[in-house]
C-alpha atoms as a PDB file:
ATOM      1  CA  MET A   1      23.365 -10.308  22.271  1.00  0.00           C
ATOM      2  CA  TYR A   2      25.533  -7.120  22.036  1.00  0.00           C
ATOM      3  CA  ASP A   3      26.827  -5.969  18.899  1.00  0.00           C
ATOM      4  CA  ASN A   4      30.755  -5.012  20.050  1.00  0.00           C
ATOM      5  CA  LYS A   5      31.190  -3.025  17.014  1.00  0.00           C
ATOM      6  CA  GLU A   6      33.207   0.449  17.979  1.00  0.00           C
ATOM      7  CA  VAL A   7      31.843   3.640  16.605  1.00  0.00           C
ATOM      8  CA  ALA A   8      34.301   6.126  15.262  1.00  0.00           C
ATOM      9  CA  VAL A   9      33.431   9.580  16.963  1.00  0.00           C
ATOM     10  CA  ILE A  10      35.019  12.605  15.099  1.00  0.00           C
ATOM     11  CA  ASN A  11      36.907  14.958  17.813  1.00  0.00           C
ATOM     12  CA  LEU A  12      35.710  18.012  16.382  1.00  0.00           C
ATOM     13  CA  ARG A  13      37.140  19.963  18.966  1.00  0.00           C
ATOM     14  CA  LEU A  14      40.573  18.921  17.676  1.00  0.00           C
ATOM     15  CA  ILE A  15      39.440  20.109  14.258  1.00  0.00           C
ATOM     16  CA  VAL A  16      38.690  23.660  15.432  1.00  0.00           C
ATOM     17  CA  LYS A  17      41.367  23.953  17.477  1.00  0.00           C
ATOM     18  CA  LYS A  18      44.151  23.291  14.605  1.00  0.00           C
ATOM     19  CA  ILE A  19      41.795  25.402  12.417  1.00  0.00           C
ATOM     20  CA  LYS A  20      42.186  28.419  14.656  1.00  0.00           C
ATOM     21  CA  GLU A  21      46.552  27.596  15.203  1.00  0.00           C
ATOM     22  CA  HIS A  22      46.323  28.315  11.576  1.00  0.00           C
ATOM     23  CA  LYS A  23      43.840  30.680  10.775  1.00  0.00           C
ATOM     24  CA  LEU A  24      46.351  32.820   9.145  1.00  0.00           C
ATOM     25  CA  LEU A  25      47.069  30.063   6.764  1.00  0.00           C
ATOM     26  CA  TYR A  26      43.566  29.570   5.634  1.00  0.00           C
ATOM     27  CA  PHE A  27      42.849  33.630   5.717  1.00  0.00           C
ATOM     28  CA  VAL A  28      46.220  33.873   3.240  1.00  0.00           C
ATOM     29  CA  THR A  29      45.204  30.857   1.288  1.00  0.00           C
ATOM     30  CA  LEU A  30      41.634  31.270   0.865  1.00  0.00           C
ATOM     31  CA  PHE A  31      42.466  35.447  -0.068  1.00  0.00           C
ATOM     32  CA  VAL A  32      44.460  34.156  -2.728  1.00  0.00           C
ATOM     33  CA  ALA A  33      42.466  31.311  -3.895  1.00  0.00           C
ATOM     34  CA  PHE A  34      39.706  33.664  -4.236  1.00  0.00           C
ATOM     35  CA  VAL A  35      41.482  36.302  -6.216  1.00  0.00           C
ATOM     36  CA  LEU A  36      42.737  33.638  -8.609  1.00  0.00           C
ATOM     37  CA  SER A  37      39.360  31.954  -9.188  1.00  0.00           C
ATOM     38  CA  VAL A  38      37.597  35.366  -9.756  1.00  0.00           C
ATOM     39  CA  TYR A  39      40.561  36.512 -12.134  1.00  0.00           C
ATOM     40  CA  ILE A  40      40.331  32.511 -14.367  1.00  0.00           C
ATOM     41  CA  ILE A  41      36.422  32.927 -14.332  1.00  0.00           C
ATOM     42  CA  LEU A  42      36.806  36.180 -15.711  1.00  0.00           C
ATOM     43  CA  CYS A  43      39.069  35.362 -18.446  1.00  0.00           C
ATOM     44  CA  VAL A  44      36.515  32.803 -19.704  1.00  0.00           C
ATOM     45  CA  PRO A  45      34.026  34.232 -22.005  1.00  0.00           C
ATOM     46  CA  ARG A  46      30.033  34.709 -21.358  1.00  0.00           C
ATOM     47  CA  TYR A  47      27.705  32.678 -23.275  1.00  0.00           C
ATOM     48  CA  TYR A  48      23.727  33.236 -23.833  1.00  0.00           C
ATOM     49  CA  THR A  49      20.991  30.672 -25.139  1.00  0.00           C
ATOM     50  CA  THR A  50      18.125  31.096 -26.392  1.00  0.00           C
ATOM     51  CA  ASP A  51      14.804  28.696 -27.940  1.00  0.00           C
ATOM     52  CA  ILE A  52      12.020  28.474 -30.711  1.00  0.00           C
ATOM     53  CA  LYS A  53       9.729  26.121 -30.307  1.00  0.00           C
ATOM     54  CA  LEU A  54       7.478  24.840 -33.715  1.00  0.00           C
ATOM     55  CA  ALA A  55       4.619  22.623 -33.574  1.00  0.00           C
ATOM     56  CA  PRO A  56       4.586  20.659 -36.634  1.00  0.00           C
ATOM     57  CA  GLU A  57       1.627  19.595 -38.742  1.00  0.00           C
ATOM     58  CA  VAL A  58       1.597  15.405 -38.762  1.00  0.00           C
ATOM     59  CA  GLU A  59      -0.341  13.489 -40.839  1.00  0.00           C
ATOM     60  CA  SER A  60      -2.351  10.685 -38.482  1.00  0.00           C
ATOM     61  CA  SER A  61      -5.003   7.942 -38.515  1.00  0.00           C
ATOM     62  CA  SER A  62      -8.434   9.130 -36.814  1.00  0.00           C
ATOM     63  CA  SER A  63      -9.401   5.377 -35.966  1.00  0.00           C
ATOM     64  CA  SER A  64      -6.990   6.059 -33.034  1.00  0.00           C
ATOM     65  CA  GLY A  65      -9.953   4.011 -30.502  1.00  0.00           C
ATOM     66  CA  ALA A  66      -9.515   3.160 -27.092  1.00  0.00           C
ATOM     67  CA  ILE A  67      -5.532   2.401 -27.947  1.00  0.00           C
ATOM     68  CA  GLY A  68      -4.611   5.891 -28.647  1.00  0.00           C
ATOM     69  CA  SER A  69      -6.329   7.110 -26.013  1.00  0.00           C
ATOM     70  CA  LEU A  70      -4.698   5.077 -23.588  1.00  0.00           C
ATOM     71  CA  ALA A  71      -1.255   5.640 -25.174  1.00  0.00           C
ATOM     72  CA  SER A  72      -1.424   9.449 -25.195  1.00  0.00           C
ATOM     73  CA  SER A  73      -2.736   9.014 -21.516  1.00  0.00           C
ATOM     74  CA  LEU A  74       0.250   7.199 -20.781  1.00  0.00           C
ATOM     75  CA  GLY A  75       2.717   9.977 -22.724  1.00  0.00           C
ATOM     76  CA  PHE A  76       3.087   8.192 -25.939  1.00  0.00           C
ATOM     77  CA  ASP A  77       1.482   9.583 -28.932  1.00  0.00           C
ATOM     78  CA  MET A  78       0.521   7.212 -31.479  1.00  0.00           C
ATOM     79  CA  SER A  79      -0.015   9.580 -34.683  1.00  0.00           C
ATOM     80  CA  GLN A  80       3.389   9.521 -34.598  1.00  0.00           C
ATOM     81  CA  LEU A  81       3.304   6.071 -35.009  1.00  0.00           C
ATOM     82  CA  LYS A  82       0.899   6.450 -37.944  1.00  0.00           C
ATOM     83  CA  SER A  83       2.442   8.403 -40.084  1.00  0.00           C
ATOM     84  CA  SER A  84       3.154   7.498 -43.464  1.00  0.00           C
ATOM     85  CA  ASP A  85       6.674   9.499 -43.092  1.00  0.00           C
ATOM     86  CA  ALA A  86       9.741   7.151 -43.179  1.00  0.00           C
ATOM     87  CA  ILE A  87      10.900  10.093 -40.605  1.00  0.00           C
ATOM     88  CA  THR A  88       8.823  11.301 -37.789  1.00  0.00           C
ATOM     89  CA  PRO A  89       8.705  14.024 -36.181  1.00  0.00           C
ATOM     90  CA  LEU A  90      10.595  11.952 -33.181  1.00  0.00           C
ATOM     91  CA  LEU A  91      13.544  11.414 -35.264  1.00  0.00           C
ATOM     92  CA  TYR A  92      14.079  14.884 -36.095  1.00  0.00           C
ATOM     93  CA  PRO A  93      17.003  15.236 -33.303  1.00  0.00           C
ATOM     94  CA  GLU A  94      18.683  12.874 -35.482  1.00  0.00           C
ATOM     95  CA  LEU A  95      19.495  15.280 -37.961  1.00  0.00           C
ATOM     96  CA  MET A  96      21.939  17.099 -36.165  1.00  0.00           C
ATOM     97  CA  GLU A  97      24.157  13.585 -36.658  1.00  0.00           C
ATOM     98  CA  ASP A  98      24.146  14.047 -40.078  1.00  0.00           C
ATOM     99  CA  ASN A  99      26.884  15.797 -41.563  1.00  0.00           C
ATOM    100  CA  LYS A 100      24.920  17.437 -44.450  1.00  0.00           C
ATOM    101  CA  PHE A 101      22.397  19.111 -42.145  1.00  0.00           C
ATOM    102  CA  ILE A 102      25.055  20.629 -40.268  1.00  0.00           C
ATOM    103  CA  VAL A 103      27.177  21.611 -43.139  1.00  0.00           C
ATOM    104  CA  ASP A 104      23.976  23.162 -44.596  1.00  0.00           C
ATOM    105  CA  LEU A 105      23.987  25.605 -41.472  1.00  0.00           C
ATOM    106  CA  PHE A 106      27.448  27.035 -42.215  1.00  0.00           C
ATOM    107  CA  SER A 107      26.543  29.615 -44.744  1.00  0.00           C
ATOM    108  CA  ILE A 108      23.841  31.077 -42.004  1.00  0.00           C
ATOM    109  CA  GLN A 109      24.928  34.748 -42.003  1.00  0.00           C
ATOM    110  CA  ILE A 110      24.710  36.405 -38.693  1.00  0.00           C
ATOM    111  CA  GLN A 111      25.003  39.494 -36.833  1.00  0.00           C
ATOM    112  CA  THR A 112      26.547  40.325 -33.531  1.00  0.00           C
ATOM    113  CA  ILE A 113      25.403  42.750 -31.138  1.00  0.00           C
ATOM    114  CA  ASP A 114      27.813  45.660 -32.052  1.00  0.00           C
ATOM    115  CA  GLY A 115      26.581  45.380 -35.862  1.00  0.00           C
ATOM    116  CA  LYS A 116      29.353  42.933 -37.265  1.00  0.00           C
ATOM    117  CA  ARG A 117      27.994  40.152 -40.148  1.00  0.00           C
ATOM    118  CA  TYR A 118      29.661  36.798 -40.821  1.00  0.00           C
ATOM    119  CA  SER A 119      28.687  33.724 -42.063  1.00  0.00           C
ATOM    120  CA  TYR A 120      28.266  31.171 -39.156  1.00  0.00           C
ATOM    121  CA  PHE A 121      31.317  28.923 -40.470  1.00  0.00           C
ATOM    122  CA  ASP A 122      33.908  32.169 -40.120  1.00  0.00           C
ATOM    123  CA  TYR A 123      31.913  33.306 -36.839  1.00  0.00           C
ATOM    124  CA  LEU A 124      32.867  29.742 -35.193  1.00  0.00           C
ATOM    125  CA  ALA A 125      36.499  29.157 -36.791  1.00  0.00           C
ATOM    126  CA  ASN A 126      37.387  32.588 -36.431  1.00  0.00           C
ATOM    127  CA  ARG A 127      35.552  34.781 -33.966  1.00  0.00           C
ATOM    128  CA  GLN A 128      35.244  33.236 -31.039  1.00  0.00           C
ATOM    129  CA  LYS A 129      36.473  35.024 -27.421  1.00  0.00           C
ATOM    130  CA  GLU A 130      38.693  32.371 -25.991  1.00  0.00           C
ATOM    131  CA  PRO A 131      40.512  32.563 -22.398  1.00  0.00           C
ATOM    132  CA  TRP A 132      44.090  33.274 -22.656  1.00  0.00           C
ATOM    133  CA  TRP A 133      45.548  30.084 -21.481  1.00  0.00           C
ATOM    134  CA  SER A 134      43.901  28.281 -24.717  1.00  0.00           C
ATOM    135  CA  THR A 135      46.642  29.957 -26.574  1.00  0.00           C
ATOM    136  CA  ILE A 136      49.234  28.680 -24.905  1.00  0.00           C
ATOM    137  CA  LEU A 137      47.852  24.832 -24.397  1.00  0.00           C
ATOM    138  CA  GLY A 138      46.899  24.947 -28.081  1.00  0.00           C
ATOM    139  CA  LYS A 139      48.222  25.850 -31.407  1.00  0.00           C
ATOM    140  CA  LYS A 140      46.564  28.700 -33.053  1.00  0.00           C
ATOM    141  CA  GLU A 141      46.135  28.245 -36.614  1.00  0.00           C
ATOM    142  CA  GLY A 142      45.631  30.959 -39.154  1.00  0.00           C
ATOM    143  CA  PRO A 143      41.803  31.835 -40.512  1.00  0.00           C
ATOM    144  CA  LEU A 144      39.803  28.948 -41.388  1.00  0.00           C
ATOM    145  CA  LYS A 145      37.595  29.008 -44.451  1.00  0.00           C
ATOM    146  CA  VAL A 146      35.063  26.894 -46.169  1.00  0.00           C
ATOM    147  CA  ASP A 147      36.674  24.675 -48.690  1.00  0.00           C
ATOM    148  CA  ILE A 148      34.556  21.516 -48.435  1.00  0.00           C
ATOM    149  CA  LYS A 149      34.590  18.505 -50.703  1.00  0.00           C
ATOM    150  CA  SER A 150      31.932  16.681 -49.100  1.00  0.00           C
ATOM    151  CA  PRO A 151      29.347  16.748 -46.243  1.00  0.00           C
ATOM    152  CA  TYR A 152      31.101  13.559 -44.848  1.00  0.00           C
ATOM    153  CA  TYR A 153      34.514  14.320 -45.984  1.00  0.00           C
ATOM    154  CA  LEU A 154      36.084  17.141 -43.534  1.00  0.00           C
ATOM    155  CA  ASN A 155      39.460  17.632 -42.184  1.00  0.00           C
ATOM    156  CA  LYS A 156      40.405  18.105 -38.180  1.00  0.00           C
ATOM    157  CA  MET A 157      39.590  21.717 -38.339  1.00  0.00           C
ATOM    158  CA  GLN A 158      36.420  21.562 -39.914  1.00  0.00           C
ATOM    159  CA  ASP A 159      35.374  18.634 -38.601  1.00  0.00           C
ATOM    160  CA  LYS A 160      35.868  20.681 -35.257  1.00  0.00           C
ATOM    161  CA  VAL A 161      33.839  23.395 -36.321  1.00  0.00           C
ATOM    162  CA  VAL A 162      30.849  20.593 -36.956  1.00  0.00           C
ATOM    163  CA  GLU A 163      31.210  19.347 -33.460  1.00  0.00           C
ATOM    164  CA  ALA A 164      31.296  23.121 -32.105  1.00  0.00           C
ATOM    165  CA  ILE A 165      28.157  23.272 -34.272  1.00  0.00           C
ATOM    166  CA  ARG A 166      26.305  19.904 -32.492  1.00  0.00           C
ATOM    167  CA  SER A 167      27.798  21.577 -29.080  1.00  0.00           C
ATOM    168  CA  ASN A 168      25.795  24.874 -29.848  1.00  0.00           C
ATOM    169  CA  ILE A 169      22.362  23.571 -30.905  1.00  0.00           C
ATOM    170  CA  SER A 170      19.986  21.559 -29.510  1.00  0.00           C
ATOM    171  CA  LEU A 171      16.983  20.035 -31.295  1.00  0.00           C
ATOM    172  CA  LYS A 172      14.773  18.341 -28.676  1.00  0.00           C
ATOM    173  CA  VAL A 173      10.768  16.327 -29.707  1.00  0.00           C
ATOM    174  CA  ASP A 174       8.415  16.278 -26.987  1.00  0.00           C
ATOM    175  CA  SER A 175       7.159  12.578 -27.246  1.00  0.00           C
ATOM    176  CA  LYS A 176       3.628  13.698 -25.870  1.00  0.00           C
ATOM    177  CA  ASP A 177       2.725  16.396 -28.019  1.00  0.00           C
ATOM    178  CA  GLY A 178       5.250  16.458 -30.792  1.00  0.00           C
ATOM    179  CA  VAL A 179       6.737  19.998 -29.665  1.00  0.00           C
ATOM    180  CA  ILE A 180      10.171  20.607 -31.399  1.00  0.00           C
ATOM    181  CA  THR A 181      12.221  22.835 -29.234  1.00  0.00           C
ATOM    182  CA  ILE A 182      15.294  24.405 -31.059  1.00  0.00           C
ATOM    183  CA  ALA A 183      17.874  25.585 -28.498  1.00  0.00           C
ATOM    184  CA  THR A 184      21.456  27.436 -29.598  1.00  0.00           C
ATOM    185  CA  THR A 185      24.171  28.909 -27.246  1.00  0.00           C
ATOM    186  CA  ALA A 186      26.475  31.478 -28.654  1.00  0.00           C
ATOM    187  CA  GLN A 187      28.806  34.413 -27.163  1.00  0.00           C
ATOM    188  CA  ASP A 188      26.494  37.173 -28.316  1.00  0.00           C
ATOM    189  CA  PRO A 189      22.764  37.642 -27.636  1.00  0.00           C
ATOM    190  CA  LEU A 190      21.666  38.738 -30.972  1.00  0.00           C
ATOM    191  CA  THR A 191      23.925  35.647 -32.614  1.00  0.00           C
ATOM    192  CA  CYS A 192      22.073  33.642 -30.912  1.00  0.00           C
ATOM    193  CA  LYS A 193      19.025  34.562 -31.707  1.00  0.00           C
ATOM    194  CA  ILE A 194      19.644  34.887 -35.089  1.00  0.00           C
ATOM    195  CA  LEU A 195      21.030  31.123 -34.869  1.00  0.00           C
ATOM    196  CA  ALA A 196      18.402  30.052 -33.542  1.00  0.00           C
ATOM    197  CA  ASP A 197      15.494  31.280 -36.591  1.00  0.00           C
ATOM    198  CA  SER A 198      18.204  30.025 -39.086  1.00  0.00           C
ATOM    199  CA  VAL A 199      18.112  26.016 -37.715  1.00  0.00           C
ATOM    200  CA  SER A 200      14.266  26.848 -37.612  1.00  0.00           C
ATOM    201  CA  ASN A 201      14.345  27.941 -41.293  1.00  0.00           C
ATOM    202  CA  VAL A 202      16.950  24.866 -42.391  1.00  0.00           C
ATOM    203  CA  LEU A 203      15.052  22.366 -40.308  1.00  0.00           C
ATOM    204  CA  LYS A 204      11.749  23.668 -42.004  1.00  0.00           C
ATOM    205  CA  ARG A 205      13.429  23.531 -45.464  1.00  0.00           C
ATOM    206  CA  HIS A 206      15.340  19.871 -44.588  1.00  0.00           C
ATOM    207  CA  ILE A 207      11.748  18.255 -43.718  1.00  0.00           C
ATOM    208  CA  THR A 208       9.801  19.877 -46.829  1.00  0.00           C
ATOM    209  CA  ALA A 209      11.940  18.326 -48.729  1.00  0.00           C
ATOM    210  CA  TYR A 210      11.977  15.095 -47.868  1.00  0.00           C
ATOM    211  CA  ARG A 211       7.954  14.617 -47.049  1.00  0.00           C
ATOM    212  CA  THR A 212       7.402  16.285 -50.795  1.00  0.00           C
ATOM    213  CA  ASP A 213      10.669  14.599 -52.733  1.00  0.00           C
ATOM    214  CA  LYS A 214       7.862  12.023 -54.280  1.00  0.00           C
ATOM    215  CA  ALA A 215       5.411  15.063 -54.619  1.00  0.00           C
ATOM    216  CA  ARG A 216       7.952  17.183 -56.580  1.00  0.00           C
ATOM    217  CA  LYS A 217       9.063  14.143 -58.938  1.00  0.00           C
ATOM    218  CA  ASP A 218       5.365  13.688 -59.793  1.00  0.00           C
ATOM    219  CA  VAL A 219       4.630  17.204 -60.276  1.00  0.00           C
ATOM    220  CA  ALA A 220       7.828  17.322 -62.686  1.00  0.00           C
ATOM    221  CA  TYR A 221       6.581  14.201 -64.212  1.00  0.00           C
ATOM    222  CA  TYR A 222       3.520  14.739 -65.359  1.00  0.00           C
ATOM    223  CA  LYS A 223       4.540  18.768 -66.283  1.00  0.00           C
ATOM    224  CA  GLN A 224       6.872  16.958 -68.917  1.00  0.00           C
ATOM    225  CA  LEU A 225       4.237  14.861 -70.053  1.00  0.00           C
ATOM    226  CA  VAL A 226       1.953  17.648 -70.481  1.00  0.00           C
ATOM    227  CA  GLY A 227       4.289  19.545 -72.252  1.00  0.00           C
ATOM    228  CA  GLU A 228       5.033  16.629 -74.839  1.00  0.00           C
ATOM    229  CA  ALA A 229       1.114  16.053 -74.802  1.00  0.00           C
ATOM    230  CA  LYS A 230       0.750  19.768 -75.937  1.00  0.00           C
ATOM    231  CA  ALA A 231       3.285  19.902 -78.551  1.00  0.00           C
ATOM    232  CA  SER A 232       1.721  16.371 -80.144  1.00  0.00           C
ATOM    233  CA  TYR A 233      -1.449  18.104 -80.065  1.00  0.00           C
ATOM    234  CA  GLU A 234      -0.609  21.269 -81.640  1.00  0.00           C
ATOM    235  CA  ARG A 235       1.422  19.635 -84.740  1.00  0.00           C
ATOM    236  CA  SER A 236      -1.774  17.384 -85.609  1.00  0.00           C
ATOM    237  CA  ARG A 237      -4.098  20.449 -85.231  1.00  0.00           C
ATOM    238  CA  GLN A 238      -1.786  21.791 -87.690  1.00  0.00           C
ATOM    239  CA  ILE A 239      -1.634  19.093 -90.041  1.00  0.00           C
ATOM    240  CA  TYR A 240      -5.033  18.575 -90.069  1.00  0.00           C
ATOM    241  CA  ALA A 241      -6.011  22.440 -90.463  1.00  0.00           C
ATOM    242  CA  SER A 242      -3.486  22.428 -93.480  1.00  0.00           C
ATOM    243  CA  TYR A 243      -4.783  19.277 -95.080  1.00  0.00           C
ATOM    244  CA  SER A 244      -8.189  20.551 -94.413  1.00  0.00           C
ATOM    245  CA  ASP A 245      -7.487  23.841 -96.203  1.00  0.00           C
ATOM    246  CA  ALA A 246      -5.538  22.505 -98.991  1.00  0.00           C
ATOM    247  CA  ASN A 247      -8.682  20.337 -99.639  1.00  0.00           C
ATOM    248  CA  GLN A 248     -11.464  22.120 -98.969  1.00  0.00           C
ATOM    249  CA  ASP A 249     -13.399  21.916-102.191  1.00  0.00           C
ATOM    250  CA  VAL A 250     -12.540  18.401-102.649  1.00  0.00           C
ATOM    251  CA  ILE A 251     -15.359  16.028-102.506  1.00  0.00           C
ATOM    252  CA  LEU A 252     -13.504  12.818-103.325  1.00  0.00           C
ATOM    253  CA  GLN A 253     -14.066   9.975-100.578  1.00  0.00           C
ATOM    254  CA  SER A 254     -10.680   9.307-100.096  1.00  0.00           C
ATOM    255  CA  VAL A 255      -9.933  13.214 -99.240  1.00  0.00           C
ATOM    256  CA  GLN A 256     -12.790  12.873 -96.786  1.00  0.00           C
ATOM    257  CA  SER A 257     -11.622   9.497 -94.793  1.00  0.00           C
ATOM    258  CA  LYS A 258      -8.034  11.330 -94.791  1.00  0.00           C
ATOM    259  CA  ILE A 259      -9.338  14.693 -93.121  1.00  0.00           C
ATOM    260  CA  GLU A 260     -11.707  12.423 -90.726  1.00  0.00           C
ATOM    261  CA  ASP A 261      -8.881  10.104 -89.992  1.00  0.00           C
ATOM    262  CA  LEU A 262      -6.475  13.704 -88.954  1.00  0.00           C
ATOM    263  CA  GLU A 263      -9.830  14.568 -87.353  1.00  0.00           C
ATOM    264  CA  ASN A 264      -9.974  11.763 -85.394  1.00  0.00           C
ATOM    265  CA  ASP A 265      -6.050  11.547 -84.331  1.00  0.00           C
ATOM    266  CA  MET A 266      -6.080  15.725 -82.950  1.00  0.00           C
ATOM    267  CA  GLN A 267      -8.994  14.353 -80.813  1.00  0.00           C
ATOM    268  CA  LEU A 268      -6.979  11.343 -79.833  1.00  0.00           C
ATOM    269  CA  LYS A 269      -4.156  13.743 -78.856  1.00  0.00           C
ATOM    270  CA  PHE A 270      -6.077  16.299 -77.099  1.00  0.00           C
ATOM    271  CA  ASN A 271      -7.553  13.711 -74.875  1.00  0.00           C
ATOM    272  CA  THR A 272      -4.245  12.675 -73.905  1.00  0.00           C
ATOM    273  CA  TYR A 273      -3.124  16.614 -73.637  1.00  0.00           C
ATOM    274  CA  SER A 274      -6.601  16.837 -71.451  1.00  0.00           C
ATOM    275  CA  ASN A 275      -5.932  13.872 -69.269  1.00  0.00           C
ATOM    276  CA  ALA A 276      -2.256  14.779 -68.157  1.00  0.00           C
ATOM    277  CA  LYS A 277      -2.863  18.344 -67.557  1.00  0.00           C
ATOM    278  CA  ASN A 278      -5.535  16.785 -65.162  1.00  0.00           C
ATOM    279  CA  GLN A 279      -3.130  14.629 -63.835  1.00  0.00           C
ATOM    280  CA  TYR A 280      -0.617  17.466 -63.157  1.00  0.00           C
ATOM    281  CA  ASP A 281      -3.368  19.730 -61.604  1.00  0.00           C
ATOM    282  CA  ALA A 282      -3.751  16.675 -59.266  1.00  0.00           C
ATOM    283  CA  ALA A 283      -0.201  15.701 -58.619  1.00  0.00           C
ATOM    284  CA  ARG A 284       0.163  19.963 -57.870  1.00  0.00           C
ATOM    285  CA  ALA A 285      -2.443  19.675 -55.667  1.00  0.00           C
ATOM    286  CA  LYS A 286      -0.959  16.448 -54.179  1.00  0.00           C
ATOM    287  CA  LEU A 287       2.290  18.467 -53.525  1.00  0.00           C
ATOM    288  CA  GLN A 288       0.759  21.245 -51.703  1.00  0.00           C
ATOM    289  CA  GLU A 289      -0.941  18.557 -49.362  1.00  0.00           C
ATOM    290  CA  LYS A 290       2.487  17.536 -48.881  1.00  0.00           C
ATOM    291  CA  THR A 291       3.781  20.104 -47.602  1.00  0.00           C
ATOM    292  CA  PRO A 292       4.210  20.419 -43.986  1.00  0.00           C
ATOM    293  CA  VAL A 293       3.443  23.428 -41.605  1.00  0.00           C
ATOM    294  CA  PHE A 294       5.236  24.260 -38.958  1.00  0.00           C
ATOM    295  CA  THR A 295       2.973  26.575 -36.578  1.00  0.00           C
ATOM    296  CA  VAL A 296       5.746  28.689 -33.957  1.00  0.00           C
ATOM    297  CA  LEU A 297       4.580  28.241 -30.578  1.00  0.00           C
ATOM    298  CA  LYS A 298       7.273  30.378 -28.970  1.00  0.00           C
ATOM    299  CA  GLY A 299       9.379  32.570 -31.272  1.00  0.00           C
ATOM    300  CA  ALA A 300      13.420  33.076 -30.512  1.00  0.00           C
ATOM    301  CA  SER A 301      13.973  36.078 -28.269  1.00  0.00           C
ATOM    302  CA  VAL A 302      17.649  37.913 -27.591  1.00  0.00           C
ATOM    303  CA  PRO A 303      18.762  36.690 -24.419  1.00  0.00           C
ATOM    304  CA  ILE A 304      19.731  39.775 -21.751  1.00  0.00           C
ATOM    305  CA  LYS A 305      21.011  37.830 -19.467  1.00  0.00           C
ATOM    306  CA  PRO A 306      23.921  35.404 -19.753  1.00  0.00           C
ATOM    307  CA  ALA A 307      23.225  32.063 -19.453  1.00  0.00           C
ATOM    308  CA  GLY A 308      27.299  30.924 -18.027  1.00  0.00           C
ATOM    309  CA  PRO A 309      29.540  30.477 -16.708  1.00  0.00           C
ATOM    310  CA  LYS A 310      27.832  31.234 -13.287  1.00  0.00           C
ATOM    311  CA  ARG A 311      30.707  32.935 -11.902  1.00  0.00           C
ATOM    312  CA  MET A 312      29.589  33.381  -8.323  1.00  0.00           C
ATOM    313  CA  ILE A 313      29.050  29.390  -8.591  1.00  0.00           C
ATOM    314  CA  PHE A 314      32.351  28.747  -9.565  1.00  0.00           C
ATOM    315  CA  VAL A 315      34.182  31.183  -7.030  1.00  0.00           C
ATOM    316  CA  LEU A 316      32.059  29.336  -3.863  1.00  0.00           C
ATOM    317  CA  VAL A 317      32.852  25.971  -4.940  1.00  0.00           C
ATOM    318  CA  MET A 318      36.679  26.472  -5.624  1.00  0.00           C
ATOM    319  CA  GLU A 319      36.847  28.161  -1.631  1.00  0.00           C
ATOM    320  CA  LEU A 320      35.112  25.146  -0.818  1.00  0.00           C
ATOM    321  CA  LEU A 321      37.675  22.615  -2.219  1.00  0.00           C
ATOM    322  CA  THR A 322      40.364  24.840  -1.475  1.00  0.00           C
ATOM    323  CA  GLY A 323      39.260  24.685   2.329  1.00  0.00           C
ATOM    324  CA  ILE A 324      38.662  21.003   1.927  1.00  0.00           C
ATOM    325  CA  ILE A 325      42.261  20.712   1.005  1.00  0.00           C
ATOM    326  CA  LEU A 326      43.417  22.467   3.471  1.00  0.00           C
ATOM    327  CA  THR A 327      41.971  21.462   6.123  1.00  0.00           C
ATOM    328  CA  ILE A 328      42.962  17.810   5.085  1.00  0.00           C
ATOM    329  CA  TRP A 329      46.617  19.226   5.439  1.00  0.00           C
ATOM    330  CA  VAL A 330      46.082  20.774   8.408  1.00  0.00           C
ATOM    331  CA  LEU A 331      44.965  17.716   9.891  1.00  0.00           C
ATOM    332  CA  ARG A 332      47.098  15.589   8.274  1.00  0.00           C
ATOM    333  CA  LYS A 333      49.392  14.684  11.238  1.00  0.00           C
ATOM    334  CA  ASP A 334      46.485  14.297  13.624  1.00  0.00           C
ATOM    335  CA  ILE A 335      44.152  11.726  11.764  1.00  0.00           C
ATOM    336  CA  SER A 336      44.006   9.586  14.078  1.00  0.00           C
ATOM    337  CA  LYS A 337      43.291  11.143  17.103  1.00  0.00           C
ATOM    338  CA  ILE A 338      40.543  12.885  15.133  1.00  0.00           C
ATOM    339  CA  PHE A 339      38.739   9.476  15.061  1.00  0.00           C
ATOM    340  CA  ALA A 340      38.830   8.855  18.800  1.00  0.00           C
END
């Protein structure tokens, strides 16, 4: 049995012939497309990117055994699963979805390469370069100020800035080794570097606040107990001293018993104060132990070359699309002849 299906053959000679017949049209059209694409891409502001890498200290159990080794070989970090914290490094990127974390970035003080200083909110809301057509297509608002009642109750323009921050900052965690990579994007190279360092500091502050929350509450609680126990002991000591001095020459048994009772009460108050002080010192040590440590593996540098837009690629793509569309238009009446 033979397959009688006909195979369509493209008539390349006809295509080349038609292109040669319209070579002037091609020249003019491609030249105009080149000029327009160059003009358009030159109007689009350039942007820079940089990143910083951190290695967090993670609490982990030493009893990993063969299962832990096997999981590690497959690219899974079991220490993340065994951490006593509800929020592990693998969940750090989820902070970018929290408005409170984003709003905390509003007050970051940034500086441009020409020495101008702004808050990050002011920089994004009022100091961004935009192509000329954006003012035509979109309504230009007046200077936007920070006036936020709640991170979870934003107006339309504030929410727009929040989304811009999310698009300019990338927070990723390597599931294999737990390394945190913070990548930032900005129209100014120095701003880009300062932003990466600042986001790193805000992240450290948020994680530290979370991991030490209970420990800090314990420290505050035991500090209050120490203050109360010390005050109680001081009052008891003064009462004992005053009564002993006033009855120093009295040998009545009732007086001696009273002195002994006051001394015992003073000793009891001292023991309570001493125990509270020990618990306070232990709570402070626990707070220090709970405070996470982040090691900077790669610091953020001021980028030298812009990351985009890719002007040459844009122009080449526009030329290619123009050529394809023009060829389709030229061959529109000979489509049936091309596929013989």
